[in-house]
């Protein structure tokens, strides 16, 4: 499998390593583990137990000419600097390919926002922002409003876009914004409850990212400038917390669109729309779920309706099961006090 020629041994090992990585991408972490051991121990020689790599995997590296035997048990990279350079070039190529793929034009679902009652002007603006992204012009939009104003349903619809990633401010505070961006490479980053993103570091990363559309990523032995084309859509009940901590971030989203609370009738219509069109729930049952959620649970949460609807799929009598779910929720809530 290894390349053999009269060329420089460095070039041979470099080529062999790239061939191995292209055919066996999972070997990337194994090669990094070997280099980390060598660098930390200042010793080029190692055994399979030192680097915690299965012997059969090392045998394949030997066949590719990347690793050489030294006696019965010791092993050594055929040329550690050639392997190091091959890893660096392979990772740069891999991340550039991911970055470039983000610029491929994608389609907007034809029924996007069809479940939402009203807000025709806002729907038009959001669709324009998506189309602008496909042309290479990222834009960012913030929705602010009290619970039950329809923010979440807008974000749920945006989540249907290709290469969209949905998260919450609280989740990002735990996972880290930078890590999320690097791992997911989103074209559309959707953040619900952004007012719960409290880490100043993440707030600053988000502000810089929205303006520059770039991130510096540490690869094995170099920094790669990752380019993005990402719209950020966010929602919050109250932006005053972020305005106090980092007002410049709010400016990245302006103008901010304020949504008024749905009336009871509007909530029921929207909930029925979502449950029938997206969850394929029969209309009478969908209306029953919406009414019980509104009247008994005293909430205008579309997500609550969806969760209840999905639970009914396992029941032979879904209407009774809805009432049982609602009753159990109320009883468990009362036990808290």
Protein backbone atom coordinates (compact mmCIF):
# COMPACT_ATOMS: atom_id res chain seq x y z
CA UNK A 1 0.00 0.00 0.00
CA UNK A 2 2.87 2.38 0.65
CA UNK A 3 4.32 4.54 -2.07
CA UNK A 4 7.78 3.47 -3.23
CA UNK A 5 10.04 5.52 -5.46
CA UNK A 6 13.46 7.13 -5.60
CA UNK A 7 12.10 10.42 -4.24
CA UNK A 8 12.99 11.99 -0.88
CA UNK A 9 11.96 9.74 2.08
CA UNK A 10 10.17 12.76 3.60
CA UNK A 11 7.98 13.07 0.50
CA UNK A 12 7.26 9.35 0.53
CA UNK A 13 6.07 9.37 4.15
CA UNK A 14 4.08 12.58 3.58
CA UNK A 15 2.30 11.01 0.59
CA UNK A 16 1.74 7.72 2.40
CA UNK A 17 0.22 9.55 5.39
CA UNK A 18 -2.20 11.53 3.21
CA UNK A 19 -3.18 8.32 1.43
CA UNK A 20 -3.86 6.66 4.77
CA UNK A 21 -5.95 9.59 6.03
CA UNK A 22 -7.96 9.88 2.82
CA UNK A 23 -8.79 6.17 2.94
CA UNK A 24 -9.08 5.87 6.73
CA UNK A 25 -10.14 9.27 8.19
CA UNK A 26 -10.56 7.75 11.66
CA UNK A 27 -6.77 7.22 11.79
CA UNK A 28 -6.33 10.97 12.22
CA UNK A 29 -6.81 10.79 15.99
CA UNK A 30 -4.46 7.78 16.23
CA UNK A 31 -1.66 9.65 14.47
CA UNK A 32 -2.24 12.67 16.68
CA UNK A 33 -1.98 10.45 19.75
CA UNK A 34 1.39 9.14 18.58
CA UNK A 35 2.72 12.65 17.94
CA UNK A 36 1.44 13.85 21.32
CA UNK A 37 3.25 10.98 23.04
CA UNK A 38 6.48 11.73 21.16
CA UNK A 39 6.27 15.46 21.95
CA UNK A 40 5.44 14.95 25.63
CA UNK A 41 7.98 12.21 26.31
CA UNK A 42 10.69 13.60 24.02
CA UNK A 43 11.14 10.06 22.77
CA UNK A 44 10.57 8.90 19.18
CA UNK A 45 10.15 5.24 20.16
CA UNK A 46 6.96 3.76 21.61
CA UNK A 47 4.90 0.62 22.03
CA UNK A 48 1.22 0.19 21.25
CA UNK A 49 0.37 0.34 24.97
CA UNK A 50 2.11 3.74 25.28
CA UNK A 51 -0.17 5.37 22.71
CA UNK A 52 -3.20 3.18 23.46
CA UNK A 53 -3.73 2.20 19.85
CA UNK A 54 -4.77 -1.38 18.93
CA UNK A 55 -1.93 -3.46 17.44
CA UNK A 56 -3.97 -4.16 14.29
CA UNK A 57 -4.29 -0.43 13.67
CA UNK A 58 -0.53 0.04 14.02
CA UNK A 59 0.00 -2.90 11.65
CA UNK A 60 -2.03 -1.05 9.02
CA UNK A 61 0.10 2.07 9.53
CA UNK A 62 3.17 -0.09 8.94
CA UNK A 63 1.69 -1.42 5.69
CA UNK A 64 1.13 2.16 4.53
CA UNK A 65 4.74 3.07 5.30
CA UNK A 66 3.81 5.58 7.98
CA UNK A 67 5.17 3.57 10.93
CA UNK A 68 8.30 1.41 11.08
CA UNK A 69 9.25 -1.50 13.31
CA UNK A 70 12.23 -1.23 15.63
CA UNK A 71 12.98 -4.66 17.02
CA UNK A 72 10.21 -6.88 18.32
CA UNK A 73 8.04 -4.40 20.22
CA UNK A 74 9.19 -0.83 19.61
CA UNK A 75 7.71 1.30 16.84
CA UNK A 76 8.64 4.66 15.34
CA UNK A 77 7.05 7.05 12.86
CA UNK A 78 8.82 6.69 9.51
CA UNK A 79 9.31 10.48 9.49
CA UNK A 80 7.53 12.37 12.25
CA UNK A 81 7.82 15.78 10.59
CA UNK A 82 6.37 14.42 7.34
CA UNK A 83 3.48 12.90 9.31
CA UNK A 84 2.97 16.16 11.20
CA UNK A 85 2.85 18.17 7.95
CA UNK A 86 0.49 15.68 6.32
CA UNK A 87 -1.92 15.94 9.27
CA UNK A 88 -1.81 19.74 9.09
CA UNK A 89 -2.52 19.80 5.34
CA UNK A 90 -5.23 17.17 5.63
CA UNK A 91 -7.07 19.13 8.34
CA UNK A 92 -6.81 22.42 6.45
CA UNK A 93 -8.23 20.75 3.35
CA UNK A 94 -11.01 19.13 5.38
CA UNK A 95 -12.12 22.36 7.07
CA UNK A 96 -11.94 24.37 3.84
CA UNK A 97 -14.17 21.79 2.15
CA UNK A 98 -16.70 22.12 4.99
CA UNK A 99 -16.56 25.90 4.81
CA UNK A 100 -17.02 25.97 1.02
CA UNK A 101 -19.98 23.61 1.21
CA UNK A 102 -21.82 26.20 3.27
CA UNK A 103 -21.95 28.49 0.23
CA UNK A 104 -23.87 26.05 -1.95
CA UNK A 105 -27.36 27.38 -2.70
CA UNK A 106 -30.18 25.65 -0.85
CA UNK A 107 -33.95 25.72 -1.11
CA UNK A 108 -36.46 27.40 1.21
CA UNK A 109 -39.35 25.05 2.15
CA UNK A 110 -42.37 26.16 0.13
CA UNK A 111 -44.62 26.04 3.21
CA UNK A 112 -42.25 27.92 5.52
CA UNK A 113 -44.24 29.94 8.10
CA UNK A 114 -47.56 28.65 6.72
CA UNK A 115 -48.62 27.48 10.19
CA UNK A 116 -48.23 30.98 11.66
CA UNK A 117 -51.29 33.22 11.81
CA UNK A 118 -50.66 36.84 10.86
CA UNK A 119 -47.26 38.57 10.85
CA UNK A 120 -47.19 38.63 7.04
CA UNK A 121 -44.77 41.57 7.07
CA UNK A 122 -42.33 39.77 9.38
CA UNK A 123 -42.56 36.57 7.33
CA UNK A 124 -41.59 38.54 4.22
CA UNK A 125 -38.59 40.08 5.98
CA UNK A 126 -37.40 36.71 7.31
CA UNK A 127 -37.66 35.10 3.87
CA UNK A 128 -35.72 38.04 2.41
CA UNK A 129 -32.98 37.48 4.99
CA UNK A 130 -32.77 33.78 4.04
CA UNK A 131 -32.55 34.63 0.34
CA UNK A 132 -29.87 37.22 1.06
CA UNK A 133 -27.85 34.52 2.85
CA UNK A 134 -28.03 32.29 -0.24
CA UNK A 135 -26.53 35.21 -2.18
CA UNK A 136 -23.69 35.46 0.35
CA UNK A 137 -25.05 38.30 2.49
CA UNK A 138 -25.67 37.13 6.08
CA UNK A 139 -28.18 39.06 8.17
CA UNK A 140 -29.27 38.75 11.79
CA UNK A 141 -32.74 39.13 13.27
CA UNK A 142 -33.93 39.38 16.87
CA UNK A 143 -37.49 38.67 18.05
CA UNK A 144 -38.55 40.07 21.41
CA UNK A 145 -41.83 39.52 23.21
CA UNK A 146 -43.58 38.00 26.17
CA UNK A 147 -44.26 34.27 26.45
CA UNK A 148 -47.09 33.26 24.10
CA UNK A 149 -46.28 35.88 21.47
CA UNK A 150 -45.24 33.40 18.79
CA UNK A 151 -41.46 33.77 18.99
CA UNK A 152 -40.87 30.06 19.47
CA UNK A 153 -43.03 29.05 16.52
CA UNK A 154 -41.03 31.37 14.27
CA UNK A 155 -37.80 29.77 15.51
CA UNK A 156 -39.28 26.27 15.07
CA UNK A 157 -40.07 27.12 11.46
CA UNK A 158 -36.59 28.53 10.86
CA UNK A 159 -35.18 25.29 12.26
CA UNK A 160 -36.58 23.56 9.16
CA UNK A 161 -34.08 25.40 6.94
CA UNK A 162 -31.16 23.38 5.51
CA UNK A 163 -28.09 23.33 7.77
CA UNK A 164 -29.96 25.09 10.59
CA UNK A 165 -28.93 24.54 14.20
CA UNK A 166 -31.34 25.26 17.05
CA UNK A 167 -30.09 25.91 20.55
CA UNK A 168 -30.89 27.99 23.61
CA UNK A 169 -28.96 30.58 25.55
CA UNK A 170 -28.76 28.27 28.56
CA UNK A 171 -27.45 25.36 26.45
CA UNK A 172 -24.82 27.56 24.81
CA UNK A 173 -23.66 28.75 28.22
CA UNK A 174 -22.89 25.11 29.08
CA UNK A 175 -21.60 23.83 25.72
CA UNK A 176 -19.76 26.98 24.63
CA UNK A 177 -20.66 29.04 21.56
CA UNK A 178 -17.28 28.67 19.88
CA UNK A 179 -17.37 24.88 20.16
CA UNK A 180 -20.93 24.78 18.81
CA UNK A 181 -20.03 26.87 15.77
CA UNK A 182 -16.92 24.83 14.95
CA UNK A 183 -18.65 21.49 15.37
CA UNK A 184 -21.98 22.26 13.67
CA UNK A 185 -20.87 24.75 10.98
CA UNK A 186 -24.42 26.18 10.80
CA UNK A 187 -25.76 28.24 7.95
CA UNK A 188 -28.59 29.37 10.21
CA UNK A 189 -27.91 29.62 13.95
CA UNK A 190 -31.17 29.82 15.91
CA UNK A 191 -30.94 30.85 19.57
CA UNK A 192 -34.03 30.80 21.77
CA UNK A 193 -33.92 32.59 25.13
CA UNK A 194 -30.72 34.40 24.18
CA UNK A 195 -31.18 36.47 27.34
CA UNK A 196 -30.02 33.36 29.23
CA UNK A 197 -26.66 33.42 27.44
CA UNK A 198 -24.84 34.97 30.37
CA UNK A 199 -21.19 34.12 29.79
CA UNK A 200 -19.42 37.39 28.77
CA UNK A 201 -16.90 35.41 26.71
CA UNK A 202 -19.65 33.81 24.63
CA UNK A 203 -21.46 37.13 24.21
CA UNK A 204 -18.28 38.70 22.84
CA UNK A 205 -17.60 35.73 20.56
CA UNK A 206 -21.14 36.00 19.18
CA UNK A 207 -20.83 39.73 18.59
CA UNK A 208 -17.50 39.37 16.76
CA UNK A 209 -18.67 36.34 14.80
CA UNK A 210 -21.83 38.08 13.56
CA UNK A 211 -19.76 40.95 12.18
CA UNK A 212 -16.75 39.08 10.78
CA UNK A 213 -18.24 35.67 9.86
CA UNK A 214 -14.87 34.15 10.80
CA UNK A 215 -13.33 32.01 13.51
CA UNK A 216 -9.69 31.18 14.15
CA UNK A 217 -9.39 27.46 14.75
CA UNK A 218 -6.33 25.78 16.26
CA UNK A 219 -5.40 22.78 14.12
CA UNK A 220 -2.55 20.45 15.02
CA UNK A 221 0.29 22.89 14.53
CA UNK A 222 -1.27 25.95 12.94
CA UNK A 223 -4.30 28.26 12.99
CA UNK A 224 -6.94 27.96 10.30
CA UNK A 225 -9.20 30.90 9.42
CA UNK A 226 -12.66 29.35 9.08
CA UNK A 227 -15.06 31.40 6.97
CA UNK A 228 -18.81 31.23 7.54
CA UNK A 229 -21.97 32.47 5.89
CA UNK A 230 -24.30 32.31 8.87
CA UNK A 231 -27.52 34.10 9.75
CA UNK A 232 -28.24 34.39 13.46
CA UNK A 233 -31.89 34.36 14.50
CA UNK A 234 -32.56 34.91 18.19
CA UNK A 235 -35.48 35.42 20.53
CA UNK A 236 -35.85 36.75 24.06
CA UNK A 237 -38.56 37.71 26.51
CA UNK A 238 -36.50 40.63 27.80
CA UNK A 239 -33.32 42.04 26.27
CA UNK A 240 -32.50 44.37 29.14
CA UNK A 241 -30.00 41.87 30.64
CA UNK A 242 -27.93 41.76 27.43
CA UNK A 243 -28.31 45.51 26.91
CA UNK A 244 -26.67 46.08 30.30
CA UNK A 245 -23.85 43.57 29.69
CA UNK A 246 -23.07 44.14 26.02
CA UNK A 247 -25.20 46.76 24.24
CA UNK A 248 -23.03 46.43 21.12
CA UNK A 249 -24.38 42.90 20.63
CA UNK A 250 -27.95 44.22 20.49
CA UNK A 251 -26.84 46.63 17.75
CA UNK A 252 -25.80 43.64 15.60
CA UNK A 253 -29.48 42.62 15.49
CA UNK A 254 -31.15 45.97 14.89
CA UNK A 255 -33.90 46.52 13.96
CA UNK A 256 -35.43 44.30 16.65
CA UNK A 257 -38.95 43.02 16.01
CA UNK A 258 -41.34 43.04 18.96
CA UNK A 259 -44.15 40.47 18.95
CA UNK A 260 -47.34 40.98 20.90
CA UNK A 261 -48.94 38.13 22.82
CA UNK A 262 -51.35 36.01 20.78
CA UNK A 263 -55.02 36.29 21.66
CA UNK A 264 -56.59 33.06 22.86
CA UNK A 265 -58.24 32.54 19.47
CA UNK A 266 -54.98 33.16 17.60
CA UNK A 267 -53.11 30.71 19.81
CA UNK A 268 -55.68 27.98 19.21
CA UNK A 269 -55.58 28.57 15.44
CA UNK A 270 -51.78 28.44 15.38
CA UNK A 271 -51.62 25.35 17.59
CA UNK A 272 -54.16 23.53 15.42
CA UNK A 273 -52.23 24.53 12.31
CA UNK A 274 -48.95 23.17 13.70
CA UNK A 275 -50.46 19.93 15.00
CA UNK A 276 -52.40 19.13 11.83
CA UNK A 277 -49.86 20.22 9.21
CA UNK A 278 -46.58 19.24 10.86
CA UNK A 279 -47.53 16.58 13.40
CA UNK A 280 -50.32 15.06 11.22
CA UNK A 281 -52.77 15.08 14.14
CA UNK A 282 -56.48 14.89 13.37
CA UNK A 283 -58.04 18.36 13.57
CA UNK A 284 -60.56 17.71 16.37
CA UNK A 285 -57.86 16.16 18.55
CA UNK A 286 -55.51 19.05 17.73
CA UNK A 287 -58.15 21.54 18.85
CA UNK A 288 -58.78 19.53 22.02
CA UNK A 289 -55.05 19.63 22.87
CA UNK A 290 -54.86 23.38 22.21
CA UNK A 291 -57.93 24.16 24.31
CA UNK A 292 -56.83 22.03 27.26
CA UNK A 293 -53.32 23.54 27.16
CA UNK A 294 -54.77 27.04 27.17
CA UNK A 295 -57.64 26.59 29.62
CA UNK A 296 -56.15 24.16 32.14
CA UNK A 297 -52.39 24.63 31.95
CA UNK A 298 -52.86 28.38 31.41
CA UNK A 299 -50.09 28.57 28.82
CA UNK A 300 -49.81 29.48 25.16
CA UNK A 301 -46.87 27.18 24.55
CA UNK A 302 -46.84 25.59 21.09
CA UNK A 303 -44.04 23.27 22.21
CA UNK A 304 -46.25 22.03 25.05
CA UNK A 305 -48.98 21.21 22.54
CA UNK A 306 -46.52 19.35 20.32
CA UNK A 307 -45.20 17.26 23.22
CA UNK A 308 -48.70 16.30 24.31
CA UNK A 309 -49.68 15.45 20.73
CA UNK A 310 -46.70 13.17 20.31
CA UNK A 311 -47.52 11.32 23.52
CA UNK A 312 -51.01 10.55 22.24
CA UNK A 313 -49.59 8.48 19.37
CA UNK A 314 -49.16 5.51 21.70
CA UNK A 315 -52.70 5.67 23.08
CA UNK A 316 -55.81 3.90 21.76
CA UNK A 317 -57.97 6.66 23.25
CA UNK A 318 -56.01 9.88 22.61
CA UNK A 319 -58.69 12.25 23.98
CA UNK A 320 -58.71 10.56 27.37
CA UNK A 321 -54.94 10.38 27.33
CA UNK A 322 -54.66 14.12 26.69
CA UNK A 323 -56.82 14.77 29.75
CA UNK A 324 -54.73 12.34 31.79
CA UNK A 325 -51.50 14.08 30.74
CA UNK A 326 -52.96 17.50 31.62
CA UNK A 327 -54.22 16.24 34.99
CA UNK A 328 -50.84 14.68 35.82
CA UNK A 329 -49.01 17.88 34.90
CA UNK A 330 -51.29 19.91 37.17
CA UNK A 331 -50.91 17.48 40.06
CA UNK A 332 -47.12 17.37 39.77
CA UNK A 333 -46.96 21.14 39.57
CA UNK A 334 -49.03 21.45 42.78
CA UNK A 335 -46.65 19.09 44.60
CA UNK A 336 -43.88 21.64 44.18
CA UNK A 337 -45.59 24.12 46.48
